[in-house]
């Protein structure tokens, strides 16, 4: 448990503005960390989807074209 002195003003009242400013500073720091993590995740997702959506570098053969398959010429043995 943390024990710290309570910030008070010169008239003895508790300085609420100090605690509000400190809480706002902590929220900004926390949101900054989460924003960086979210941005990193979105960059990775965008890169993965870009790779998935882009066509392959080598063009695919036309489906209507005739495919020629080269095979080795093998002499059939007569038995």
N, C-alpha and C. Protein backbone atom coordinates (compact mmCIF):
# COMPACT_ATOMS: atom_id res chain seq x y z
N UNK A 1 0.84 -1.16 0.00
CA UNK A 1 0.00 0.00 0.00
C UNK A 1 0.89 1.23 0.00
N UNK A 2 0.52 2.21 -0.80
CA UNK A 2 1.31 3.42 -0.92
C UNK A 2 0.80 4.47 0.07
N UNK A 3 1.71 5.03 0.79
CA UNK A 3 1.34 6.13 1.68
C UNK A 3 2.05 7.37 1.18
N UNK A 4 1.28 8.39 0.90
CA UNK A 4 1.86 9.65 0.47
C UNK A 4 1.10 10.78 1.13
N UNK A 5 1.74 11.89 1.25
CA UNK A 5 1.09 13.02 1.88
C UNK A 5 0.03 13.59 0.95
N UNK A 6 -1.02 14.10 1.53
CA UNK A 6 -2.11 14.68 0.76
C UNK A 6 -1.74 16.10 0.39
N UNK A 7 -1.89 16.41 -0.89
CA UNK A 7 -1.58 17.77 -1.34
C UNK A 7 -2.68 18.71 -0.88
N UNK A 8 -2.29 19.74 -0.18
CA UNK A 8 -3.26 20.70 0.33
C UNK A 8 -2.89 22.10 -0.17
N UNK A 9 -3.90 22.92 -0.25
CA UNK A 9 -3.69 24.31 -0.63
C UNK A 9 -3.27 25.11 0.60
N UNK A 10 -2.99 26.37 0.37
CA UNK A 10 -2.52 27.20 1.48
C UNK A 10 -3.58 27.40 2.56
N UNK A 11 -4.88 27.28 2.19
CA UNK A 11 -5.93 27.45 3.19
C UNK A 11 -6.30 26.14 3.87
N UNK A 12 -5.61 25.03 3.55
CA UNK A 12 -5.83 23.77 4.24
C UNK A 12 -6.74 22.80 3.51
N UNK A 13 -7.39 23.23 2.41
CA UNK A 13 -8.26 22.31 1.68
C UNK A 13 -7.43 21.41 0.78
N UNK A 14 -8.02 20.25 0.46
CA UNK A 14 -7.32 19.28 -0.40
C UNK A 14 -7.28 19.83 -1.82
N UNK A 15 -6.10 19.73 -2.44
CA UNK A 15 -5.89 20.26 -3.79
C UNK A 15 -6.38 19.23 -4.81
N UNK A 16 -7.67 19.31 -5.14
CA UNK A 16 -8.28 18.37 -6.09
C UNK A 16 -7.70 18.55 -7.49
N UNK A 17 -7.36 19.77 -7.86
CA UNK A 17 -6.82 20.03 -9.21
C UNK A 17 -5.52 19.29 -9.44
N UNK A 18 -4.71 19.15 -8.40
CA UNK A 18 -3.46 18.41 -8.52
C UNK A 18 -3.75 16.96 -8.89
N UNK A 19 -4.71 16.34 -8.19
CA UNK A 19 -5.02 14.94 -8.45
C UNK A 19 -5.69 14.77 -9.81
N UNK A 20 -6.50 15.72 -10.22
CA UNK A 20 -7.11 15.64 -11.55
C UNK A 20 -6.06 15.73 -12.64
N UNK A 21 -5.11 16.63 -12.47
CA UNK A 21 -4.03 16.77 -13.46
C UNK A 21 -3.18 15.51 -13.52
N UNK A 22 -2.88 14.94 -12.36
CA UNK A 22 -2.07 13.72 -12.33
C UNK A 22 -2.82 12.56 -12.99
N UNK A 23 -4.12 12.44 -12.72
CA UNK A 23 -4.90 11.37 -13.32
C UNK A 23 -4.99 11.55 -14.83
N UNK A 24 -5.14 12.79 -15.29
CA UNK A 24 -5.18 13.05 -16.73
C UNK A 24 -3.85 12.68 -17.39
N UNK A 25 -2.76 12.99 -16.71
CA UNK A 25 -1.44 12.66 -17.24
C UNK A 25 -1.26 11.14 -17.35
N UNK A 26 -1.72 10.41 -16.32
CA UNK A 26 -1.62 8.95 -16.35
C UNK A 26 -2.51 8.36 -17.45
N UNK A 27 -3.70 8.92 -17.64
CA UNK A 27 -4.59 8.44 -18.71
C UNK A 27 -3.96 8.66 -20.08
N UNK A 28 -3.36 9.84 -20.28
CA UNK A 28 -2.70 10.11 -21.57
C UNK A 28 -1.57 9.12 -21.83
N UNK A 29 -0.78 8.83 -20.80
CA UNK A 29 0.32 7.89 -20.96
C UNK A 29 -0.20 6.49 -21.29
N UNK A 30 -1.26 6.07 -20.62
CA UNK A 30 -1.84 4.76 -20.86
C UNK A 30 -2.44 4.67 -22.26
N UNK A 31 -3.17 5.69 -22.67
CA UNK A 31 -3.76 5.69 -24.00
C UNK A 31 -2.69 5.71 -25.09
N UNK A 32 -1.58 6.36 -24.82
CA UNK A 32 -0.48 6.39 -25.79
C UNK A 32 0.06 4.98 -26.00
N UNK A 33 0.23 4.24 -24.92
CA UNK A 33 0.73 2.87 -25.03
C UNK A 33 -0.26 2.01 -25.81
N UNK A 34 -1.54 2.09 -25.48
CA UNK A 34 -2.54 1.30 -26.19
C UNK A 34 -2.66 1.72 -27.64
N UNK A 35 -2.52 3.00 -27.92
CA UNK A 35 -2.59 3.47 -29.31
C UNK A 35 -1.43 2.90 -30.13
N UNK A 36 -0.24 2.84 -29.53
CA UNK A 36 0.91 2.27 -30.24
C UNK A 36 0.69 0.79 -30.51
N UNK A 37 0.15 0.07 -29.53
CA UNK A 37 -0.10 -1.36 -29.73
C UNK A 37 -1.17 -1.58 -30.80
N UNK A 38 -2.22 -0.77 -30.76
CA UNK A 38 -3.28 -0.89 -31.76
C UNK A 38 -2.76 -0.56 -33.15
N UNK A 39 -1.94 0.47 -33.26
CA UNK A 39 -1.39 0.86 -34.56
C UNK A 39 -0.50 -0.26 -35.11
N UNK A 40 0.30 -0.88 -34.25
CA UNK A 40 1.17 -1.97 -34.69
C UNK A 40 0.33 -3.15 -35.18
N UNK A 41 -0.74 -3.47 -34.46
CA UNK A 41 -1.61 -4.57 -34.86
C UNK A 41 -2.30 -4.27 -36.18
N UNK A 42 -2.77 -3.04 -36.34
CA UNK A 42 -3.43 -2.67 -37.59
C UNK A 42 -2.46 -2.68 -38.77
N UNK A 43 -1.21 -2.26 -38.54
CA UNK A 43 -0.21 -2.32 -39.62
C UNK A 43 0.03 -3.75 -40.06
N UNK A 44 0.13 -4.66 -39.08
CA UNK A 44 0.35 -6.07 -39.42
C UNK A 44 -0.85 -6.65 -40.16
N UNK A 45 -2.05 -6.30 -39.72
CA UNK A 45 -3.26 -6.80 -40.38
C UNK A 45 -3.37 -6.24 -41.80
N UNK A 46 -3.03 -4.98 -41.97
CA UNK A 46 -3.09 -4.37 -43.30
C UNK A 46 -2.07 -5.02 -44.23
N UNK A 47 -0.88 -5.30 -43.72
CA UNK A 47 0.14 -5.94 -44.55
C UNK A 47 -0.29 -7.35 -44.94
N UNK A 48 -0.88 -8.07 -44.00
CA UNK A 48 -1.33 -9.43 -44.30
C UNK A 48 -2.46 -9.41 -45.32
N UNK A 49 -3.41 -8.50 -45.16
CA UNK A 49 -4.52 -8.46 -46.11
C UNK A 49 -4.04 -7.96 -47.47
N UNK A 50 -3.06 -7.07 -47.49
CA UNK A 50 -2.52 -6.59 -48.76
C UNK A 50 -1.86 -7.74 -49.51
N UNK A 51 -1.11 -8.57 -48.79
CA UNK A 51 -0.48 -9.72 -49.42
C UNK A 51 -1.52 -10.71 -49.94
N UNK A 52 -2.63 -10.83 -49.21
CA UNK A 52 -3.66 -11.79 -49.61
C UNK A 52 -4.46 -11.27 -50.80
N UNK A 53 -4.66 -9.95 -50.87
CA UNK A 53 -5.51 -9.39 -51.92
C UNK A 53 -4.77 -9.11 -53.22
N UNK A 54 -3.47 -8.93 -53.17
CA UNK A 54 -2.74 -8.62 -54.39
C UNK A 54 -2.53 -9.88 -55.22
N UNK A 55 -2.53 -9.74 -56.53
CA UNK A 55 -2.31 -10.93 -57.37
C UNK A 55 -0.86 -11.39 -57.25
N UNK A 56 -0.63 -12.65 -57.57
CA UNK A 56 0.75 -13.15 -57.49
C UNK A 56 1.65 -12.44 -58.49
N UNK A 57 2.93 -12.42 -58.23
CA UNK A 57 3.89 -11.72 -59.11
C UNK A 57 3.96 -12.38 -60.49
N UNK A 58 3.90 -13.70 -60.53
CA UNK A 58 3.95 -14.42 -61.80
C UNK A 58 2.53 -14.53 -62.32
N UNK A 59 2.27 -14.12 -63.54
CA UNK A 59 0.89 -14.18 -64.04
C UNK A 59 0.43 -15.63 -64.16
N UNK A 60 -0.80 -15.85 -63.80
CA UNK A 60 -1.39 -17.18 -63.91
C UNK A 60 -1.79 -17.42 -65.36
N UNK A 61 -1.78 -18.66 -65.81
CA UNK A 61 -2.15 -18.95 -67.19
C UNK A 61 -3.62 -18.65 -67.42
N UNK A 62 -3.92 -18.29 -68.66
CA UNK A 62 -5.30 -18.01 -69.03
C UNK A 62 -6.09 -19.31 -68.98
N UNK A 63 -7.26 -19.33 -68.33
CA UNK A 63 -8.00 -20.58 -68.22
C UNK A 63 -8.47 -21.13 -69.57
N UNK A 64 -8.62 -20.26 -70.58
CA UNK A 64 -9.07 -20.73 -71.89
C UNK A 64 -7.93 -21.21 -72.77
N UNK A 65 -6.70 -20.97 -72.35
CA UNK A 65 -5.55 -21.33 -73.19
C UNK A 65 -5.28 -22.83 -73.08
N UNK A 66 -4.68 -23.35 -74.13
CA UNK A 66 -4.31 -24.77 -74.13
C UNK A 66 -2.98 -24.91 -73.41
N UNK A 67 -2.95 -25.83 -72.47
CA UNK A 67 -1.71 -26.06 -71.73
C UNK A 67 -0.95 -27.19 -72.41
N UNK A 68 0.31 -26.95 -72.68
CA UNK A 68 1.17 -27.98 -73.24
C UNK A 68 2.06 -28.49 -72.13
N UNK A 69 2.01 -29.77 -71.93
CA UNK A 69 2.82 -30.38 -70.88
C UNK A 69 3.94 -31.14 -71.57
N UNK A 70 5.15 -30.76 -71.25
CA UNK A 70 6.30 -31.42 -71.85
C UNK A 70 6.63 -32.65 -71.02
N UNK A 71 6.70 -33.76 -71.69
CA UNK A 71 7.05 -35.00 -71.00
C UNK A 71 8.25 -35.64 -71.68
N UNK A 72 8.91 -36.47 -70.99
CA UNK A 72 10.07 -37.16 -71.55
C UNK A 72 9.58 -38.25 -72.49
N UNK A 73 10.25 -38.35 -73.61
CA UNK A 73 9.89 -39.40 -74.57
C UNK A 73 10.43 -40.73 -74.06
N UNK A 74 9.53 -41.65 -73.85
CA UNK A 74 9.91 -42.97 -73.31
C UNK A 74 9.47 -44.01 -74.32
N UNK A 75 10.39 -44.87 -74.67
CA UNK A 75 10.05 -45.96 -75.60
C UNK A 75 9.40 -47.07 -74.81
N UNK A 76 8.26 -47.50 -75.31
CA UNK A 76 7.57 -48.59 -74.65
C UNK A 76 8.25 -49.90 -75.06
N UNK A 77 8.49 -50.71 -74.09
CA UNK A 77 9.11 -51.98 -74.39
C UNK A 77 8.04 -52.99 -74.82
N UNK A 78 8.39 -53.83 -75.79
CA UNK A 78 7.46 -54.84 -76.25
C UNK A 78 7.73 -56.12 -75.47
N UNK A 79 6.69 -56.62 -74.92
CA UNK A 79 6.84 -57.90 -74.22
C UNK A 79 5.98 -58.93 -74.81
